[in-house]
């Protein structure tokens, strides 16, 4: 039995060394250390070994199994590393795909059209702040503090700064 195990180890290692693809490695694994592999059949044959040789044969069989599994993992990593990159190879010097140009928003185009129409009628576009502070809206125009135009009912005062919404 021990001589058979030595012979099996040599055969398994030579077959493993001849496996150069992952498919061949998978076939080797199922043939040798898989559920229906040769090692499994050798373990089943262990019951027929004489009682005095059984411990040594069992120990050697377990060592063989551990050795073959370690050799398989090592060979698999070597084959996967030598397989090269997975996926398509990209030529970085090739021109890229042009991106589609966007367009202006509908509201922006409408505002531009209206501005253009009013510009042809003689109006000009004036831009300024949307919220005016109390100084520019009342005090700079000499409107007194008690004037009815400063009432809170006629204005929207914005917070502590005293901003007035136009």
Protein backbone atom coordinates (compact mmCIF):
# COMPACT_ATOMS: atom_id res chain seq x y z
CA UNK A 1 0.00 0.00 0.00
CA UNK A 2 2.81 2.44 0.86
CA UNK A 3 4.53 1.74 -2.47
CA UNK A 4 1.23 2.37 -4.25
CA UNK A 5 0.92 5.71 -2.46
CA UNK A 6 4.43 6.72 -3.53
CA UNK A 7 3.65 5.75 -7.12
CA UNK A 8 0.34 7.66 -6.98
CA UNK A 9 2.11 10.76 -5.66
CA UNK A 10 4.59 10.70 -8.55
CA UNK A 11 1.78 10.24 -11.11
CA UNK A 12 -0.33 13.00 -9.58
CA UNK A 13 2.54 15.47 -9.45
CA UNK A 14 3.58 14.79 -13.05
CA UNK A 15 -0.03 15.16 -14.24
CA UNK A 16 -0.35 18.38 -12.25
CA UNK A 17 2.84 19.77 -13.78
CA UNK A 18 1.46 18.99 -17.25
CA UNK A 19 -1.73 20.99 -16.56
CA UNK A 20 -1.27 24.44 -18.07
CA UNK A 21 -4.86 25.74 -18.21
CA UNK A 22 -7.51 26.21 -15.57
CA UNK A 23 -9.72 23.64 -17.33
CA UNK A 24 -6.92 21.08 -17.16
CA UNK A 25 -6.41 21.91 -13.49
CA UNK A 26 -10.11 21.40 -12.78
CA UNK A 27 -9.99 18.04 -14.55
CA UNK A 28 -6.91 17.07 -12.53
CA UNK A 29 -8.63 18.08 -9.29
CA UNK A 30 -11.72 15.99 -9.99
CA UNK A 31 -9.55 13.03 -11.08
CA UNK A 32 -7.25 13.08 -8.06
CA UNK A 33 -8.61 14.93 -5.02
CA UNK A 34 -12.27 15.31 -5.96
CA UNK A 35 -15.22 13.40 -4.50
CA UNK A 36 -14.79 10.49 -6.93
CA UNK A 37 -11.02 10.86 -7.38
CA UNK A 38 -8.23 8.36 -6.93
CA UNK A 39 -7.43 9.55 -3.40
CA UNK A 40 -11.02 8.86 -2.34
CA UNK A 41 -10.82 5.34 -3.77
CA UNK A 42 -7.50 4.81 -1.95
CA UNK A 43 -9.14 5.89 1.30
CA UNK A 44 -11.94 3.43 0.68
CA UNK A 45 -9.34 0.70 0.04
CA UNK A 46 -7.76 1.48 3.43
CA UNK A 47 -10.21 -0.95 5.06
CA UNK A 48 -8.56 -3.85 3.21
CA UNK A 49 -5.07 -3.03 4.55
CA UNK A 50 -3.80 -5.31 7.34
CA UNK A 51 -4.38 -3.99 10.84
CA UNK A 52 -0.70 -3.49 11.67
CA UNK A 53 -0.07 -1.38 8.51
CA UNK A 54 -3.28 0.65 8.75
CA UNK A 55 -1.96 3.52 10.95
CA UNK A 56 1.10 4.08 8.77
CA UNK A 57 -0.92 3.83 5.55
CA UNK A 58 -3.60 6.19 6.89
CA UNK A 59 -1.00 8.71 8.00
CA UNK A 60 0.78 8.54 4.63
CA UNK A 61 -2.56 8.86 2.79
CA UNK A 62 -3.45 12.00 4.76
CA UNK A 63 0.02 13.44 4.09
CA UNK A 64 -0.40 12.70 0.39
CA UNK A 65 -3.79 14.39 0.35
CA UNK A 66 -2.43 17.51 2.08
CA UNK A 67 0.58 17.59 -0.26
CA UNK A 68 -1.56 17.27 -3.38
CA UNK A 69 -4.04 19.93 -2.23
CA UNK A 70 -1.22 22.37 -1.48
CA UNK A 71 0.45 21.61 -4.82
CA UNK A 72 -2.89 22.13 -6.59
CA UNK A 73 -3.43 25.54 -5.00
CA UNK A 74 0.13 26.59 -5.78
CA UNK A 75 -0.18 25.45 -9.40
CA UNK A 76 -3.57 27.16 -9.77
CA UNK A 77 -2.19 30.53 -8.62
CA UNK A 78 0.77 30.12 -10.99
CA UNK A 79 -1.49 29.30 -13.95
CA UNK A 80 -3.86 32.19 -13.19
CA UNK A 81 -0.93 34.59 -12.86
CA UNK A 82 0.55 33.51 -16.18
CA UNK A 83 -2.81 33.71 -17.94
CA UNK A 84 -2.36 37.47 -18.41
CA UNK A 85 -4.96 40.18 -18.16
CA UNK A 86 -8.61 39.29 -18.39
CA UNK A 87 -10.94 41.30 -20.57
CA UNK A 88 -10.34 43.38 -23.65
CA UNK A 89 -7.06 45.16 -24.20
CA UNK A 90 -7.55 48.92 -24.50
CA UNK A 91 -5.33 51.04 -26.73
CA UNK A 92 -4.94 54.27 -24.77
CA UNK A 93 -3.47 56.08 -27.79
CA UNK A 94 -6.67 55.63 -29.78
CA UNK A 95 -8.98 58.67 -29.93
CA UNK A 96 -11.85 58.55 -27.50
CA UNK A 97 -15.57 58.52 -28.17
CA UNK A 98 -16.87 62.07 -28.60
CA UNK A 99 -19.46 63.16 -26.09
CA UNK A 100 -22.76 64.57 -27.26
CA UNK A 101 -23.08 68.28 -26.65
CA UNK A 102 -25.95 69.44 -24.51
CA UNK A 103 -28.40 72.27 -25.12
CA UNK A 104 -29.71 75.17 -23.10
CA UNK A 105 -32.63 74.69 -20.77
CA UNK A 106 -36.09 75.58 -22.08
CA UNK A 107 -36.59 78.35 -19.52
CA UNK A 108 -33.20 79.89 -20.31
CA UNK A 109 -34.01 79.90 -24.03
CA UNK A 110 -37.44 81.45 -23.36
CA UNK A 111 -35.92 84.21 -21.19
CA UNK A 112 -33.39 84.92 -23.95
CA UNK A 113 -36.15 85.15 -26.58
CA UNK A 114 -38.27 87.47 -24.44
CA UNK A 115 -35.23 89.65 -23.67
CA UNK A 116 -34.45 89.87 -27.37
CA UNK A 117 -38.05 90.82 -28.27
CA UNK A 118 -38.19 93.52 -25.60
CA UNK A 119 -34.72 94.72 -26.65
CA UNK A 120 -36.02 95.26 -30.20
CA UNK A 121 -38.85 97.34 -28.72
CA UNK A 122 -36.33 99.62 -27.02
CA UNK A 123 -36.17 98.17 -23.53
CA UNK A 124 -32.89 97.28 -21.82
CA UNK A 125 -32.18 94.51 -19.38
CA UNK A 126 -31.12 95.68 -15.94
CA UNK A 127 -29.91 93.20 -13.38
CA UNK A 128 -29.62 93.74 -9.67
CA UNK A 129 -30.23 92.07 -6.34
CA UNK A 130 -33.54 90.30 -5.80
CA UNK A 131 -33.69 91.48 -2.20
CA UNK A 132 -32.97 95.12 -1.36
CA UNK A 133 -31.86 96.18 2.13
CA UNK A 134 -33.80 98.82 4.06
CA UNK A 135 -31.12 101.45 3.54
CA UNK A 136 -31.26 101.35 -0.26
CA UNK A 137 -35.04 100.98 -0.41
CA UNK A 138 -36.12 103.67 2.08
CA UNK A 139 -33.42 105.56 4.01
CA UNK A 140 -31.27 106.52 1.00
CA UNK A 141 -34.42 107.87 -0.66
CA UNK A 142 -35.17 110.06 2.41
CA UNK A 143 -38.34 108.18 3.32
CA UNK A 144 -38.93 108.82 7.05
CA UNK A 145 -39.25 105.99 9.61
CA UNK A 146 -42.94 106.76 10.19
CA UNK A 147 -43.89 106.75 6.51
CA UNK A 148 -46.75 104.33 5.62
CA UNK A 149 -44.64 102.79 2.81
CA UNK A 150 -42.44 101.23 5.51
CA UNK A 151 -45.32 99.31 7.10
CA UNK A 152 -44.77 95.59 7.47
CA UNK A 153 -48.05 94.92 5.72
CA UNK A 154 -46.74 96.48 2.50
CA UNK A 155 -43.26 94.91 2.54
CA UNK A 156 -41.58 91.56 3.05
CA UNK A 157 -38.79 92.09 5.57
CA UNK A 158 -36.14 89.37 5.34
CA UNK A 159 -34.58 88.56 8.71
CA UNK A 160 -32.35 90.65 10.96
CA UNK A 161 -30.55 92.57 8.19
CA UNK A 162 -33.74 94.38 7.27
CA UNK A 163 -33.76 93.24 3.67
CA UNK A 164 -36.89 94.08 1.70
CA UNK A 165 -38.07 91.86 -1.13
CA UNK A 166 -38.88 93.84 -4.26
